[in-house]
Amino acid sequence: MNANSIAAELLSLHPDSFFTDFKNNKDAISKLIVLSPYLRNQVAGRITRIKKREGQKPFSKREPRVEEPRRPRR
């Protein structure tokens, strides 16, 4: 299993255990599952990134960018 699949499985089983903070996620992973330090850090980083993206506004609801009219070329 790779970091992405482990992160997805942990998030589906324990969604309330993780937040947008890498250190807290790393500690939570250590309590839930035994992984090598390298893989644990990768999984914690992936979960942190997913949680941060959940908190952002979706791209489709962004306000459109207003462009200023261009000056004519000489």
C-alpha atoms as a PDB file:
ATOM      1  CA  MET A   1       0.000   0.000   0.000  1.00  0.00           C
ATOM      2  CA  ASN A   2       1.179   3.492  -0.724  1.00  0.00           C
ATOM      3  CA  ALA A   3       0.714   6.721   1.240  1.00  0.00           C
ATOM      4  CA  ASN A   4      -2.315   7.822  -0.790  1.00  0.00           C
ATOM      5  CA  SER A   5      -4.293   4.633  -0.223  1.00  0.00           C
ATOM      6  CA  ILE A   6      -3.371   4.484   3.473  1.00  0.00           C
ATOM      7  CA  ALA A   7      -4.409   8.133   3.923  1.00  0.00           C
ATOM      8  CA  ALA A   8      -7.724   7.552   2.154  1.00  0.00           C
ATOM      9  CA  GLU A   9      -8.486   4.504   4.262  1.00  0.00           C
ATOM     10  CA  LEU A  10      -7.587   6.233   7.540  1.00  0.00           C
ATOM     11  CA  LEU A  11      -9.713   9.253   6.613  1.00  0.00           C
ATOM     12  CA  SER A  12     -12.678   7.052   5.783  1.00  0.00           C
ATOM     13  CA  LEU A  13     -12.390   5.074   9.043  1.00  0.00           C
ATOM     14  CA  HIS A  14     -11.432   7.938  11.406  1.00  0.00           C
ATOM     15  CA  PRO A  15     -12.508  11.267   9.845  1.00  0.00           C
ATOM     16  CA  ASP A  16     -12.691  13.133  13.176  1.00  0.00           C
ATOM     17  CA  SER A  17      -9.162  12.145  14.232  1.00  0.00           C
ATOM     18  CA  PHE A  18      -7.374  14.402  11.745  1.00  0.00           C
ATOM     19  CA  PHE A  19      -6.979  18.145  11.308  1.00  0.00           C
ATOM     20  CA  THR A  20      -5.008  20.635   9.201  1.00  0.00           C
ATOM     21  CA  ASP A  21      -1.939  20.373  11.454  1.00  0.00           C
ATOM     22  CA  PHE A  22       0.837  18.024  10.322  1.00  0.00           C
ATOM     23  CA  LYS A  23       2.260  17.313  13.802  1.00  0.00           C
ATOM     24  CA  ASN A  24      -1.114  16.395  15.300  1.00  0.00           C
ATOM     25  CA  ASN A  25      -1.902  14.187  12.306  1.00  0.00           C
ATOM     26  CA  LYS A  26       1.460  12.453  12.678  1.00  0.00           C
ATOM     27  CA  ASP A  27       0.734  11.737  16.338  1.00  0.00           C
ATOM     28  CA  ALA A  28      -2.778  10.497  15.523  1.00  0.00           C
ATOM     29  CA  ILE A  29      -1.411   8.114  12.891  1.00  0.00           C
ATOM     30  CA  SER A  30       1.111   6.747  15.391  1.00  0.00           C
ATOM     31  CA  LYS A  31      -1.748   5.900  17.754  1.00  0.00           C
ATOM     32  CA  LEU A  32      -3.869   4.252  15.050  1.00  0.00           C
ATOM     33  CA  ILE A  33      -1.397   2.247  12.971  1.00  0.00           C
ATOM     34  CA  VAL A  34       2.258   1.165  13.022  1.00  0.00           C
ATOM     35  CA  LEU A  35       4.233   2.524  10.065  1.00  0.00           C
ATOM     36  CA  SER A  36       7.847   3.345   9.354  1.00  0.00           C
ATOM     37  CA  PRO A  37       8.710   6.977  10.168  1.00  0.00           C
ATOM     38  CA  TYR A  38       9.136   7.774   6.465  1.00  0.00           C
ATOM     39  CA  LEU A  39       5.740   6.349   5.459  1.00  0.00           C
ATOM     40  CA  ARG A  40       4.034   7.831   8.532  1.00  0.00           C
ATOM     41  CA  ASN A  41       5.270  11.305   7.533  1.00  0.00           C
ATOM     42  CA  GLN A  42       4.091  10.828   3.957  1.00  0.00           C
ATOM     43  CA  VAL A  43       0.644   9.729   5.118  1.00  0.00           C
ATOM     44  CA  ALA A  44       0.432  12.636   7.597  1.00  0.00           C
ATOM     45  CA  GLY A  45       1.388  15.082   4.852  1.00  0.00           C
ATOM     46  CA  ARG A  46      -1.221  13.656   2.478  1.00  0.00           C
ATOM     47  CA  ILE A  47      -3.946  13.831   5.160  1.00  0.00           C
ATOM     48  CA  THR A  48      -2.947  17.395   6.057  1.00  0.00           C
ATOM     49  CA  ARG A  49      -3.168  18.453   2.415  1.00  0.00           C
ATOM     50  CA  ILE A  50      -6.578  16.795   1.997  1.00  0.00           C
ATOM     51  CA  LYS A  51      -7.949  18.456   5.143  1.00  0.00           C
ATOM     52  CA  LYS A  52      -6.658  21.869   4.054  1.00  0.00           C
ATOM     53  CA  ARG A  53      -8.302  21.464   0.646  1.00  0.00           C
ATOM     54  CA  GLU A  54     -11.613  20.555   2.308  1.00  0.00           C
ATOM     55  CA  GLY A  55     -11.560  23.912   4.094  1.00  0.00           C
ATOM     56  CA  GLN A  56     -11.050  25.948   0.912  1.00  0.00           C
ATOM     57  CA  LYS A  57     -13.791  27.252  -1.333  1.00  0.00           C
ATOM     58  CA  PRO A  58     -14.382  25.187  -4.455  1.00  0.00           C
ATOM     59  CA  PHE A  59     -12.822  26.618  -7.587  1.00  0.00           C
ATOM     60  CA  SER A  60     -16.140  26.902  -9.400  1.00  0.00           C
ATOM     61  CA  LYS A  61     -17.541  29.336  -6.835  1.00  0.00           C
ATOM     62  CA  ARG A  62     -14.671  31.798  -7.129  1.00  0.00           C
ATOM     63  CA  GLU A  63     -15.493  35.275  -8.297  1.00  0.00           C
ATOM     64  CA  PRO A  64     -14.473  35.854 -11.888  1.00  0.00           C
ATOM     65  CA  ARG A  65     -11.392  37.926 -12.453  1.00  0.00           C
ATOM     66  CA  VAL A  66     -12.099  41.393 -13.783  1.00  0.00           C
ATOM     67  CA  GLU A  67      -9.716  42.294 -16.559  1.00  0.00           C
ATOM     68  CA  GLU A  68      -8.960  45.868 -17.427  1.00  0.00           C
ATOM     69  CA  PRO A  69      -9.280  46.837 -21.087  1.00  0.00           C
ATOM     70  CA  ARG A  70      -6.025  46.629 -22.994  1.00  0.00           C
ATOM     71  CA  ARG A  71      -4.440  49.618 -24.587  1.00  0.00           C
ATOM     72  CA  PRO A  72      -4.378  49.489 -28.375  1.00  0.00           C
ATOM     73  CA  ARG A  73      -1.089  48.473 -29.954  1.00  0.00           C
ATOM     74  CA  ARG A  74       0.897  51.048 -31.841  1.00  0.00           C
END
